[in-house]
Amino acid sequence: MFKLPGIKLSNGSQRIFTRAIKALRPMPHRKSTFINLDRTRCAIEEISGYTPTDTTIWLSIRSTTLQRLTREFLWKCIHNMFRVGDFWAHIDTMKLNGRCHFCEAPETLEHIALECEVHGQRVIWKLTRELWLKKYNEWPTLSWGLILGCNLARFKSNKGILIREKGRLFAIIVSAAWHLIWKLRMNRVISSPGMALKEENIHNLWLKTMNAALTRDRILTNKTRFGPLSFKKKLVLNTWSGLLMDEDSLPDDWIHEKWVCDPKTMQLE
């Protein structure tokens, strides 16, 4: 920590001073960041009818609606900070790493998320779509911008009333699905090169991922533990209700039960 000679700063003052120093330093600009922000903006305008600002986009990926590691992951995606595609273009001996070894196409994040079949992305999006259609009639057409801005998607009723729980569910399952696709890619390329998972294994990983998202939502409704940071129980109930097996026979408040997720239903463990 930098300190001015002869001046004693408290911890709070030091933090403020550090922020002031950082504010004076120009932040590096990435062309890919601006492109991703614009693509996010266009996707949200198309699906929800409004145009988010850069600040709104950044705030959306900091929302506690999304899991912490997923928030960090989306931040890096927007900044294109991963070693894929053009990252290897300027290294003569590593140029081949910039292409997908399965499709032989440039391996961009968008390619991994929506195009490359070897990473199991089609299976994961299929399962995610089926879960969504269990409750809602129409699954939005996914694009790279919509994935990045999934927590900005807004859905309204026929009367123009905002359906908050619908947008919330979309953000949770889309962000979790994309993060899982990336993990599968990393496992195949880095951890276990050349090993492709069977569809059954991918299904089980997806199931575990969605169950974890639901469990997190349920735990974070605990006001005693999380105080003002806790989620509203009614919002969590509305988010996941309609996806439960034999829901008519379940109590209205199932928050404290244990659940697992199925591609078409949610059922008691």
Foldseek 3Di string as FASTA:
>chain_A
DDDDPPDDDDPVRVVVVVVVVVVVDDDDDDPQLVVLLVLLQVVQCVQAVDGDDPVRLLVLLVDVLEPPVLSVVLVCLSVVVDCEAPVCVPPVVCNQRQADPVPRHGDGLQCLQPNDPQLVNVLLVLLLVLLLVLADPDDDDDGSSCLSRLLSHWDADPVRHTDVLSSSLSNHSSSLSSVSSVVSVCCCVPVNDPDGDDSVVVQVVSQVSVLVSLLVLLVQCDCVVQPPRRDPQVSSLSNCPSQADPVVPDDSRCSPFRWTHDSNHIYGD
